Protein backbone atom coordinates (compact mmCIF):
# COMPACT_ATOMS: atom_id res chain seq x y z
CA MET A 1 -10.85 -9.81 -9.79
CA GLU A 2 -9.53 -12.27 -7.76
CA ARG A 3 -9.49 -11.61 -4.02
CA LEU A 4 -6.21 -11.36 -2.09
CA THR A 5 -6.05 -14.04 0.85
CA THR A 6 -3.36 -14.92 3.51
CA PRO A 7 -2.97 -18.29 5.33
CA SER A 8 -5.74 -19.52 7.65
CA ASN A 9 -3.39 -19.22 10.80
CA ARG A 10 -5.19 -15.87 11.86
CA GLN A 11 -3.60 -13.70 14.69
CA GLN A 12 -4.14 -10.23 15.86
CA VAL A 13 -2.17 -7.50 13.80
CA ARG A 14 -1.18 -3.98 13.55
CA GLY A 15 -2.02 -2.19 10.27
CA PHE A 16 -1.69 1.07 8.79
CA LEU A 17 -3.71 2.13 5.72
CA THR A 18 -2.61 5.47 3.85
CA ILE A 19 -4.47 6.53 1.01
CA HIS A 20 -2.43 9.24 -1.03
CA SER A 21 -4.85 10.29 -3.28
CA THR A 22 -8.47 10.00 -4.14
CA PRO A 23 -11.18 12.09 -5.95
CA SER A 24 -13.52 13.72 -3.36
CA ALA A 25 -16.87 11.77 -5.12
CA LEU A 26 -14.84 8.43 -3.73
CA ARG A 27 -14.30 9.46 -0.15
CA HIS A 28 -17.66 8.17 1.68
CA HIS A 29 -17.46 4.66 -0.55
CA ILE A 30 -13.77 4.06 0.58
CA ASP A 31 -15.19 4.66 4.46
CA TRP A 32 -17.90 2.10 3.66
CA ALA A 33 -15.41 -0.51 2.36
CA ILE A 34 -12.98 0.06 5.21
CA GLN A 35 -15.83 -0.38 7.55
CA ALA A 36 -17.14 -3.54 5.78
CA VAL A 37 -13.76 -5.11 6.17
CA LEU A 38 -12.75 -4.09 9.58
CA GLY A 39 -16.42 -4.35 10.80
CA THR A 40 -16.15 -1.31 12.84
CA LEU A 41 -17.17 2.11 12.39
CA VAL A 42 -14.36 4.38 10.75
CA LYS A 43 -14.46 7.92 10.57
CA PRO A 44 -11.16 8.99 8.42
CA THR A 45 -10.10 12.64 8.92
CA TRP A 46 -9.51 13.54 5.06
CA THR A 47 -7.34 16.25 4.04
CA SER A 48 -6.72 17.78 0.52
CA GLN A 49 -3.90 16.44 -1.60
CA PRO A 50 -1.91 19.34 -3.06
CA LEU A 51 -0.35 17.17 -5.59
CA ILE A 52 -3.37 16.26 -7.50
CA PRO A 53 -5.84 19.19 -7.02
CA GLY A 54 -9.55 18.23 -6.00
CA SER A 55 -8.18 14.91 -4.46
CA TYR A 56 -7.97 13.97 -0.67
CA ARG A 57 -5.82 12.03 1.63
CA THR A 58 -6.24 9.99 5.06
CA GLN A 59 -4.35 7.96 7.16
CA ILE A 60 -5.87 5.12 9.50
CA GLU A 61 -4.30 2.94 11.94
CA PHE A 62 -6.09 -0.40 13.01
CA ARG A 63 -5.63 -3.72 14.77
CA ASP A 64 -7.47 -6.57 13.35
CA ARG A 65 -6.93 -10.14 12.35
CA GLN A 66 -4.06 -11.04 9.87
CA GLY A 67 -5.37 -10.94 6.65
CA ALA A 68 -7.42 -7.62 6.89
CA ALA A 69 -4.68 -5.69 4.93
CA ALA A 70 -5.17 -8.28 1.97
CA GLU A 71 -8.84 -7.81 2.28
CA LEU A 72 -8.70 -4.02 2.29
CA ALA A 73 -6.23 -3.85 -0.85
CA SER A 74 -8.71 -6.04 -2.74
CA SER A 75 -11.70 -3.86 -1.71
CA LEU A 76 -9.89 -0.55 -2.53
CA ARG A 77 -8.09 -1.55 -5.62
CA SER A 78 -11.18 -1.72 -7.41
CA TRP A 79 -11.32 2.21 -7.83
CA HIS A 80 -8.78 3.24 -10.74
CA TYR A 81 -8.22 6.83 -9.01
CA LEU A 82 -6.56 5.61 -5.96
CA ASN A 83 -3.03 5.88 -4.88
CA PHE A 84 -2.74 3.72 -1.34
CA GLU A 85 -0.44 1.56 0.54
CA ILE A 86 -1.48 -0.56 3.40
CA ILE A 87 1.12 -2.31 5.85
CA GLU A 88 0.16 -5.20 8.25
CA ASN A 89 2.76 -6.14 10.87
CA THR A 90 2.80 -9.44 13.14
CA ASP A 91 5.69 -10.10 15.60
CA ASN A 92 7.58 -12.04 12.53
CA GLY A 93 7.22 -9.37 9.88
CA GLY A 94 4.22 -8.86 7.64
CA GLU A 95 2.89 -7.60 4.19
CA LEU A 96 2.83 -4.64 2.35
CA PHE A 97 0.31 -3.79 -0.47
CA ARG A 98 0.89 -0.78 -2.72
CA CYS A 99 -1.22 0.18 -5.69
CA THR A 100 -1.30 3.17 -8.26
CA PRO A 101 -3.65 3.75 -11.04
CA GLU A 102 -1.11 3.16 -13.61
CA LEU A 103 0.97 0.32 -11.88
CA GLY A 104 -1.97 -1.64 -10.43
CA ILE A 105 -1.16 -3.62 -7.16
CA HIS A 106 2.01 -4.90 -5.50
CA ARG A 107 2.21 -7.23 -2.47
CA ALA A 108 5.43 -7.75 -0.76
CA LEU A 109 6.31 -9.85 2.34
CA VAL A 110 8.10 -7.42 4.87
CA ASP A 111 10.33 -8.16 7.77
CA GLN A 112 9.98 -6.22 11.11
CA THR A 113 11.75 -3.09 9.91
CA GLY A 114 9.59 -2.54 6.88
CA ALA A 115 12.21 -3.95 3.95
CA VAL A 116 10.60 -6.29 1.50
CA ILE A 117 11.95 -9.85 1.87
CA LEU A 118 12.44 -11.65 -1.48
CA THR A 119 12.28 -15.69 -1.41
CA GLU A 120 14.37 -18.02 -2.95
CA ASN A 121 11.57 -19.07 -5.32
CA GLN A 122 11.19 -15.45 -6.18
CA LEU A 123 15.00 -15.04 -7.01
CA SER A 124 15.27 -18.56 -8.79
CA ALA A 125 12.32 -17.55 -11.22
CA ALA A 126 14.02 -14.01 -11.71
CA LEU A 127 17.20 -15.48 -12.93
CA LYS A 128 15.67 -18.45 -14.77
CA ASN A 129 13.52 -15.76 -16.89
CA THR A 130 16.49 -13.43 -17.67
CA MET A 131 19.34 -13.76 -20.10
CA ASP A 132 21.44 -10.63 -19.16
CA GLU A 133 22.36 -8.26 -16.43
CA GLU A 134 19.94 -5.50 -17.14
CA SER A 135 17.15 -7.86 -17.20
CA ILE A 136 18.27 -9.27 -13.93
CA ARG A 137 18.29 -6.04 -12.63
CA GLU A 138 14.69 -5.18 -13.85
CA ALA A 139 13.26 -8.70 -12.69
CA ILE A 140 14.64 -7.83 -9.06
CA ALA A 141 13.45 -4.23 -9.11
CA ALA A 142 9.84 -5.37 -9.87
CA LEU A 143 9.94 -7.75 -7.15
CA LEU A 144 10.95 -5.28 -4.70
CA GLY A 145 8.24 -2.76 -6.14
CA SER A 146 10.80 -0.28 -7.04
CA ALA A 147 8.40 1.19 -9.45
CA TRP A 148 5.65 1.72 -6.80
CA GLU A 149 8.00 3.02 -4.39
CA THR A 150 8.94 5.77 -6.84
CA GLU A 151 5.44 6.50 -7.53
CA LEU A 152 4.33 6.93 -4.11
CA ASP A 153 7.42 8.47 -2.52
CA ARG A 154 6.07 12.03 -4.08
CA PHE A 155 3.04 11.58 -2.06
CA ARG A 156 4.84 10.51 1.35
CA SER A 157 7.05 13.50 0.96
CA VAL A 158 3.98 15.97 0.91
CA ASP A 159 3.88 16.36 4.41
CA LEU A 160 7.51 17.19 4.69
CA GLN A 161 7.25 19.92 1.86
CA GLU A 162 4.28 21.46 4.10
CA ILE A 163 6.40 21.95 7.22
CA ALA A 164 9.46 23.08 5.12
CA HIS A 165 6.77 25.56 3.86
CA LEU A 166 5.87 26.72 7.20
CA ARG A 167 8.92 26.89 8.67
CA ALA A 168 10.12 29.29 5.78
CA ILE A 169 7.39 31.54 6.66
């Protein structure tokens, strides 16, 4: 598989890695992969993922060089059963990586608020390769990563569901 890369002008960035689900057997391998990329000891706190019995989830905040998120995404995407997302923030925006077993990986530029940015070239290519309104809508949805957003949103809302359940008790 081709490794994801970023420009060589590397600066310090803030990043956030969320692994929404992974089988139990991969947890230590994921820990080692994260440590290899970040170059520091990482001890994620794994909690059970109620949406997929027998799977686990974790969140890690990191500060590292620009491009660390691309390296993490390249390393983690090789395991088929992972659902994850990584966002890397600089002063001018950053990058977002989302991955599911069914959809693969999606990479997008984001602004400072986390909104996906589409470039003129991306929009021109989408318009050039489409024939009707529905095709244009599908092309733009693919550029925005709408399918990944829909798939991962159910994992993001697990914490909200747990809070609501606790309040109901």
